[in-house]
N, C-alpha and C. Protein backbone atom coordinates (compact mmCIF):
# COMPACT_ATOMS: atom_id res chain seq x y z
N MET A 1 -21.97 16.22 -40.83
CA MET A 1 -21.72 14.87 -40.38
C MET A 1 -20.32 14.76 -39.74
N LYS A 2 -19.32 15.46 -40.32
CA LYS A 2 -17.97 15.41 -39.77
C LYS A 2 -17.93 16.04 -38.38
N LYS A 3 -18.73 17.08 -38.18
CA LYS A 3 -18.75 17.75 -36.88
C LYS A 3 -19.28 16.80 -35.80
N ILE A 4 -20.30 16.03 -36.13
CA ILE A 4 -20.87 15.08 -35.18
C ILE A 4 -19.86 13.97 -34.86
N LEU A 5 -19.14 13.50 -35.87
CA LEU A 5 -18.12 12.47 -35.64
C LEU A 5 -16.98 12.99 -34.77
N ARG A 6 -16.56 14.23 -34.98
CA ARG A 6 -15.50 14.82 -34.15
C ARG A 6 -15.94 14.95 -32.70
N ILE A 7 -17.18 15.41 -32.51
CA ILE A 7 -17.70 15.54 -31.15
C ILE A 7 -17.82 14.17 -30.49
N ALA A 8 -18.29 13.18 -31.23
CA ALA A 8 -18.41 11.82 -30.69
C ALA A 8 -17.04 11.23 -30.36
N LEU A 9 -16.06 11.43 -31.24
CA LEU A 9 -14.71 10.93 -30.99
C LEU A 9 -14.09 11.62 -29.78
N PHE A 10 -14.25 12.93 -29.69
CA PHE A 10 -13.73 13.67 -28.54
C PHE A 10 -14.39 13.18 -27.25
N SER A 11 -15.69 12.93 -27.29
CA SER A 11 -16.42 12.45 -26.11
C SER A 11 -15.93 11.07 -25.68
N VAL A 12 -15.70 10.18 -26.64
CA VAL A 12 -15.22 8.83 -26.33
C VAL A 12 -13.82 8.90 -25.72
N ILE A 13 -12.94 9.71 -26.29
CA ILE A 13 -11.59 9.85 -25.75
C ILE A 13 -11.63 10.44 -24.35
N LEU A 14 -12.47 11.43 -24.14
CA LEU A 14 -12.60 12.03 -22.82
C LEU A 14 -13.13 11.02 -21.80
N LEU A 15 -14.11 10.23 -22.17
CA LEU A 15 -14.65 9.21 -21.26
C LEU A 15 -13.62 8.12 -20.95
N LEU A 16 -12.84 7.72 -21.94
CA LEU A 16 -11.78 6.73 -21.70
C LEU A 16 -10.71 7.29 -20.76
N ALA A 17 -10.32 8.52 -20.97
CA ALA A 17 -9.32 9.14 -20.10
C ALA A 17 -9.84 9.27 -18.68
N LEU A 18 -11.10 9.67 -18.54
CA LEU A 18 -11.71 9.79 -17.21
C LEU A 18 -11.81 8.42 -16.55
N GLY A 19 -12.17 7.40 -17.29
CA GLY A 19 -12.23 6.04 -16.75
C GLY A 19 -10.87 5.53 -16.32
N PHE A 20 -9.83 5.81 -17.10
CA PHE A 20 -8.47 5.40 -16.73
C PHE A 20 -8.03 6.11 -15.46
N TRP A 21 -8.31 7.42 -15.37
CA TRP A 21 -7.95 8.17 -14.17
C TRP A 21 -8.68 7.59 -12.96
N TRP A 22 -9.97 7.33 -13.09
CA TRP A 22 -10.77 6.81 -11.99
C TRP A 22 -10.25 5.45 -11.53
N ARG A 23 -9.90 4.61 -12.46
CA ARG A 23 -9.47 3.25 -12.13
C ARG A 23 -8.08 3.20 -11.49
N TYR A 24 -7.16 4.04 -11.93
CA TYR A 24 -5.77 3.91 -11.50
C TYR A 24 -5.21 5.08 -10.70
N TYR A 25 -5.78 6.27 -10.77
CA TYR A 25 -5.20 7.42 -10.09
C TYR A 25 -6.12 8.05 -9.05
N PHE A 26 -7.38 7.65 -8.98
CA PHE A 26 -8.29 8.17 -7.97
C PHE A 26 -7.92 7.60 -6.62
N VAL A 27 -7.71 8.47 -5.62
CA VAL A 27 -7.39 8.02 -4.27
C VAL A 27 -8.69 7.64 -3.58
N PHE A 28 -8.89 6.35 -3.38
CA PHE A 28 -10.12 5.83 -2.80
C PHE A 28 -10.20 6.11 -1.31
N GLY A 29 -9.05 6.04 -0.63
CA GLY A 29 -9.03 6.27 0.81
C GLY A 29 -7.63 6.57 1.29
N GLU A 30 -7.56 7.16 2.48
CA GLU A 30 -6.28 7.44 3.12
C GLU A 30 -6.38 6.99 4.56
N GLY A 31 -5.26 6.59 5.14
CA GLY A 31 -5.31 6.14 6.52
C GLY A 31 -3.93 5.94 7.11
N VAL A 32 -3.93 5.41 8.33
CA VAL A 32 -2.70 5.15 9.07
C VAL A 32 -2.78 3.73 9.61
N LYS A 33 -1.71 2.99 9.47
CA LYS A 33 -1.60 1.63 10.02
C LYS A 33 -0.32 1.54 10.83
N ALA A 34 -0.37 0.75 11.89
CA ALA A 34 0.81 0.54 12.74
C ALA A 34 0.99 -0.95 12.98
N GLY A 35 2.23 -1.36 13.08
CA GLY A 35 2.54 -2.76 13.36
C GLY A 35 4.01 -3.02 13.18
N ASN A 36 4.39 -4.29 13.28
CA ASN A 36 5.79 -4.69 13.11
C ASN A 36 6.09 -4.84 11.63
N LEU A 37 7.17 -4.21 11.18
CA LEU A 37 7.58 -4.31 9.79
C LEU A 37 8.22 -5.68 9.58
N ASN A 38 7.50 -6.57 8.91
CA ASN A 38 7.94 -7.95 8.73
C ASN A 38 9.06 -8.02 7.68
N PHE A 39 8.81 -7.49 6.50
CA PHE A 39 9.85 -7.46 5.48
C PHE A 39 9.64 -6.26 4.57
N PHE A 40 10.72 -5.89 3.89
CA PHE A 40 10.69 -4.78 2.95
C PHE A 40 11.71 -5.08 1.87
N VAL A 41 11.25 -5.19 0.61
CA VAL A 41 12.13 -5.58 -0.49
C VAL A 41 11.91 -4.70 -1.71
N LYS A 42 12.91 -4.70 -2.58
CA LYS A 42 12.80 -4.06 -3.89
C LYS A 42 12.84 -5.19 -4.91
N LYS A 43 11.75 -5.30 -5.71
CA LYS A 43 11.69 -6.42 -6.64
C LYS A 43 10.92 -6.03 -7.89
N GLY A 44 11.04 -6.88 -8.91
CA GLY A 44 10.32 -6.69 -10.17
C GLY A 44 11.21 -7.03 -11.34
N PHE A 45 10.57 -7.42 -12.45
CA PHE A 45 11.32 -7.74 -13.66
C PHE A 45 11.62 -6.48 -14.48
N VAL A 46 10.61 -5.72 -14.81
CA VAL A 46 10.78 -4.51 -15.61
C VAL A 46 10.79 -3.28 -14.73
N PHE A 47 9.78 -3.15 -13.88
CA PHE A 47 9.68 -2.01 -12.96
C PHE A 47 10.10 -2.48 -11.58
N LYS A 48 11.20 -1.97 -11.06
CA LYS A 48 11.67 -2.31 -9.72
C LYS A 48 10.89 -1.46 -8.72
N THR A 49 10.08 -2.11 -7.90
CA THR A 49 9.27 -1.39 -6.92
C THR A 49 9.57 -1.91 -5.52
N TYR A 50 9.29 -1.08 -4.53
CA TYR A 50 9.46 -1.45 -3.13
C TYR A 50 8.16 -2.02 -2.61
N GLU A 51 8.24 -3.20 -2.00
CA GLU A 51 7.07 -3.86 -1.44
C GLU A 51 7.37 -4.24 0.00
N GLY A 52 6.36 -4.17 0.86
CA GLY A 52 6.57 -4.51 2.27
C GLY A 52 5.34 -5.12 2.88
N ARG A 53 5.53 -5.66 4.09
CA ARG A 53 4.44 -6.26 4.84
C ARG A 53 4.55 -5.83 6.30
N LEU A 54 3.42 -5.42 6.84
CA LEU A 54 3.29 -4.99 8.22
C LEU A 54 2.43 -6.02 8.94
N ILE A 55 2.91 -6.55 10.07
CA ILE A 55 2.13 -7.47 10.88
C ILE A 55 1.51 -6.67 12.02
N GLN A 56 0.18 -6.64 12.05
CA GLN A 56 -0.53 -5.86 13.06
C GLN A 56 -0.92 -6.74 14.23
N ASP A 57 -1.13 -6.12 15.39
CA ASP A 57 -1.57 -6.85 16.58
C ASP A 57 -2.97 -7.38 16.36
N GLY A 58 -3.25 -8.52 16.94
CA GLY A 58 -4.59 -9.11 16.85
C GLY A 58 -4.66 -10.15 15.76
N PHE A 59 -5.82 -10.76 15.66
CA PHE A 59 -6.05 -11.81 14.69
C PHE A 59 -7.35 -11.55 13.96
N LYS A 60 -7.41 -11.98 12.72
CA LYS A 60 -8.65 -11.91 11.96
C LYS A 60 -8.75 -13.17 11.11
N SER A 61 -9.96 -13.53 10.79
CA SER A 61 -10.15 -14.72 9.97
C SER A 61 -11.48 -14.62 9.24
N ALA A 62 -11.50 -15.11 8.03
CA ALA A 62 -12.74 -15.12 7.26
C ALA A 62 -13.68 -16.23 7.72
N THR A 63 -13.10 -17.30 8.27
CA THR A 63 -13.93 -18.41 8.74
C THR A 63 -13.93 -18.41 10.27
N PRO A 64 -15.08 -18.63 10.89
CA PRO A 64 -15.15 -18.67 12.36
C PRO A 64 -14.33 -19.80 12.94
N GLY A 65 -13.63 -19.51 14.01
CA GLY A 65 -12.85 -20.53 14.70
C GLY A 65 -11.43 -20.68 14.20
N ALA A 66 -11.07 -20.08 13.08
CA ALA A 66 -9.71 -20.18 12.54
C ALA A 66 -8.93 -18.92 12.91
N LEU A 67 -7.63 -19.04 13.00
CA LEU A 67 -6.77 -17.90 13.32
C LEU A 67 -5.93 -17.55 12.10
N GLN A 68 -5.78 -16.27 11.89
CA GLN A 68 -4.95 -15.79 10.79
C GLN A 68 -4.34 -14.47 11.23
N SER A 69 -3.07 -14.26 10.97
CA SER A 69 -2.45 -13.00 11.38
C SER A 69 -2.97 -11.86 10.52
N ASN A 70 -3.02 -10.68 11.11
CA ASN A 70 -3.53 -9.49 10.45
C ASN A 70 -2.37 -8.81 9.75
N GLU A 71 -2.28 -8.96 8.44
CA GLU A 71 -1.16 -8.43 7.66
C GLU A 71 -1.61 -7.30 6.76
N PHE A 72 -0.73 -6.34 6.57
CA PHE A 72 -0.98 -5.20 5.69
C PHE A 72 0.16 -5.15 4.68
N GLU A 73 -0.14 -5.48 3.44
CA GLU A 73 0.87 -5.44 2.37
C GLU A 73 0.76 -4.11 1.65
N PHE A 74 1.91 -3.50 1.36
CA PHE A 74 1.93 -2.17 0.80
C PHE A 74 3.07 -2.00 -0.18
N SER A 75 3.00 -0.92 -0.95
CA SER A 75 4.07 -0.52 -1.88
C SER A 75 4.57 0.86 -1.48
N VAL A 76 5.78 1.17 -1.91
CA VAL A 76 6.37 2.48 -1.66
C VAL A 76 6.94 3.00 -2.97
N THR A 77 6.65 4.26 -3.30
CA THR A 77 7.15 4.84 -4.54
C THR A 77 8.33 5.78 -4.31
N SER A 78 8.50 6.28 -3.10
CA SER A 78 9.55 7.26 -2.80
C SER A 78 10.81 6.57 -2.30
N ASP A 79 11.96 6.95 -2.85
CA ASP A 79 13.23 6.38 -2.40
C ASP A 79 13.57 6.79 -0.97
N SER A 80 13.21 7.99 -0.56
CA SER A 80 13.52 8.45 0.80
C SER A 80 12.71 7.67 1.84
N ILE A 81 11.45 7.39 1.56
CA ILE A 81 10.64 6.58 2.47
C ILE A 81 11.16 5.14 2.49
N ALA A 82 11.57 4.63 1.34
CA ALA A 82 12.12 3.28 1.27
C ALA A 82 13.40 3.16 2.11
N ALA A 83 14.23 4.19 2.10
CA ALA A 83 15.46 4.15 2.89
C ALA A 83 15.15 4.10 4.38
N ILE A 84 14.14 4.84 4.82
CA ILE A 84 13.74 4.82 6.23
C ILE A 84 13.24 3.43 6.61
N LEU A 85 12.40 2.85 5.78
CA LEU A 85 11.84 1.54 6.09
C LEU A 85 12.90 0.43 6.05
N GLU A 86 13.87 0.54 5.16
CA GLU A 86 14.95 -0.46 5.11
C GLU A 86 15.74 -0.48 6.41
N ARG A 87 15.91 0.67 7.04
CA ARG A 87 16.66 0.76 8.29
C ARG A 87 15.84 0.33 9.50
N ASN A 88 14.54 0.16 9.35
CA ASN A 88 13.68 -0.14 10.50
C ASN A 88 12.97 -1.48 10.38
N SER A 89 13.55 -2.42 9.69
CA SER A 89 12.95 -3.75 9.56
C SER A 89 12.90 -4.43 10.93
N GLY A 90 11.78 -5.01 11.27
CA GLY A 90 11.61 -5.67 12.56
C GLY A 90 11.15 -4.76 13.67
N LYS A 91 11.04 -3.47 13.41
CA LYS A 91 10.60 -2.52 14.42
C LYS A 91 9.12 -2.19 14.24
N VAL A 92 8.55 -1.57 15.25
CA VAL A 92 7.17 -1.10 15.17
C VAL A 92 7.17 0.21 14.41
N VAL A 93 6.40 0.26 13.34
CA VAL A 93 6.33 1.48 12.52
C VAL A 93 4.87 1.90 12.38
N GLU A 94 4.68 3.20 12.17
CA GLU A 94 3.37 3.76 11.90
C GLU A 94 3.43 4.43 10.54
N LEU A 95 2.58 3.99 9.62
CA LEU A 95 2.65 4.42 8.23
C LEU A 95 1.37 5.12 7.80
N ARG A 96 1.53 6.21 7.05
CA ARG A 96 0.39 6.87 6.41
C ARG A 96 0.36 6.38 4.97
N TYR A 97 -0.83 6.01 4.49
CA TYR A 97 -0.93 5.42 3.15
C TYR A 97 -2.11 5.99 2.39
N LYS A 98 -2.07 5.78 1.07
CA LYS A 98 -3.18 6.10 0.18
C LYS A 98 -3.63 4.80 -0.46
N GLU A 99 -4.95 4.63 -0.58
CA GLU A 99 -5.50 3.44 -1.19
C GLU A 99 -6.07 3.79 -2.57
N TYR A 100 -5.59 3.07 -3.57
CA TYR A 100 -6.08 3.24 -4.94
C TYR A 100 -6.97 2.05 -5.29
N LEU A 101 -7.80 2.21 -6.31
CA LEU A 101 -8.70 1.13 -6.70
C LEU A 101 -7.96 -0.04 -7.33
N HIS A 102 -6.91 0.25 -8.13
CA HIS A 102 -6.13 -0.79 -8.80
C HIS A 102 -4.66 -0.39 -8.81
N PRO A 103 -3.75 -1.37 -8.77
CA PRO A 103 -2.32 -1.05 -8.83
C PRO A 103 -1.85 -0.78 -10.26
N LEU A 104 -0.75 -0.06 -10.36
CA LEU A 104 -0.05 0.16 -11.62
C LEU A 104 1.32 -0.49 -11.52
N PRO A 105 1.86 -1.05 -12.59
CA PRO A 105 3.15 -1.76 -12.50
C PRO A 105 4.29 -0.88 -11.99
N TRP A 106 4.33 0.38 -12.34
CA TRP A 106 5.42 1.25 -11.91
C TRP A 106 5.16 1.85 -10.53
N ARG A 107 3.98 1.65 -9.97
CA ARG A 107 3.67 2.15 -8.64
C ARG A 107 3.77 1.05 -7.59
N GLY A 108 3.75 -0.20 -8.01
CA GLY A 108 3.86 -1.31 -7.08
C GLY A 108 2.78 -2.34 -7.30
N MET A 109 2.85 -3.43 -6.55
CA MET A 109 1.92 -4.54 -6.71
C MET A 109 0.69 -4.41 -5.83
N SER A 110 0.68 -3.45 -4.93
CA SER A 110 -0.40 -3.32 -3.96
C SER A 110 -1.27 -2.11 -4.27
N ASN A 111 -2.52 -2.16 -3.82
CA ASN A 111 -3.41 -1.00 -3.92
C ASN A 111 -3.06 0.06 -2.90
N TYR A 112 -2.29 -0.30 -1.87
CA TYR A 112 -1.92 0.60 -0.79
C TYR A 112 -0.51 1.13 -1.03
N VAL A 113 -0.37 2.45 -1.09
CA VAL A 113 0.93 3.08 -1.33
C VAL A 113 1.26 3.96 -0.13
N VAL A 114 2.38 3.66 0.54
CA VAL A 114 2.80 4.42 1.71
C VAL A 114 3.39 5.76 1.26
N VAL A 115 2.91 6.84 1.88
CA VAL A 115 3.36 8.18 1.52
C VAL A 115 4.16 8.84 2.63
N GLU A 116 4.15 8.26 3.85
CA GLU A 116 4.87 8.89 4.96
C GLU A 116 5.08 7.87 6.07
N VAL A 117 6.25 7.94 6.72
CA VAL A 117 6.52 7.15 7.91
C VAL A 117 6.34 8.09 9.09
N LEU A 118 5.34 7.83 9.92
CA LEU A 118 5.05 8.71 11.05
C LEU A 118 5.93 8.41 12.25
N LYS A 119 6.19 7.11 12.49
CA LYS A 119 6.95 6.73 13.68
C LYS A 119 7.62 5.40 13.43
N ALA A 120 8.82 5.25 13.96
CA ALA A 120 9.54 3.98 13.91
C ALA A 120 10.24 3.81 15.25
N GLU A 121 9.91 2.74 15.97
CA GLU A 121 10.47 2.52 17.30
C GLU A 121 10.72 1.04 17.51
N GLU A 122 11.48 0.74 18.54
CA GLU A 122 11.77 -0.65 18.89
C GLU A 122 10.48 -1.36 19.24
N GLY A 123 10.44 -2.66 18.94
CA GLY A 123 9.25 -3.45 19.25
C GLY A 123 9.07 -3.64 20.75
N THR A 124 7.97 -4.24 21.12
CA THR A 124 7.70 -4.48 22.53
C THR A 124 8.64 -5.54 23.07
N ASN A 125 8.88 -5.50 24.36
CA ASN A 125 9.78 -6.45 25.00
C ASN A 125 9.09 -7.79 25.10
N THR A 126 9.58 -8.78 24.36
CA THR A 126 8.95 -10.10 24.31
C THR A 126 9.43 -11.01 25.42
N ASN A 127 10.40 -10.57 26.25
CA ASN A 127 10.90 -11.41 27.33
C ASN A 127 9.93 -11.48 28.50
N LYS A 128 9.07 -10.49 28.66
CA LYS A 128 8.13 -10.46 29.77
C LYS A 128 6.81 -11.11 29.36
N LEU A 129 6.33 -11.99 30.20
CA LEU A 129 5.03 -12.59 29.97
C LEU A 129 3.96 -11.70 30.60
N PRO A 130 2.76 -11.70 30.08
CA PRO A 130 1.74 -10.79 30.59
C PRO A 130 1.27 -11.10 32.00
N TYR A 131 1.48 -12.32 32.50
CA TYR A 131 0.99 -12.68 33.83
C TYR A 131 2.07 -12.60 34.88
N GLN A 132 3.26 -12.13 34.59
CA GLN A 132 4.33 -12.02 35.58
C GLN A 132 4.32 -10.67 36.24
């Protein structure tokens, strides 16, 4: 009877560990996003994390006829990537990210975690109108 209980306990612990890994550490997707870096801050009460927002070209909306800017909110775990993004606020940046199923407090508030800055350049010239 003790052997069956040990096997059952080991199985339950293994399933819980696998479920925790799947929920918080499984990389659901990877990709690249580009846009204007709107803001980038370090915030938090217990865990200080880097959070940012990228404004992408174009518009999207859940309701027909309404306009909403296309924003990409992300977290950064690396201090070196954070230093690059802090110096490029307001510029057009291209970011490589990993998407997790759920956030962790020490990883940031977003499901999207930036792992690399591919490009950072000056924004487009807003003084010229498209019809001139």
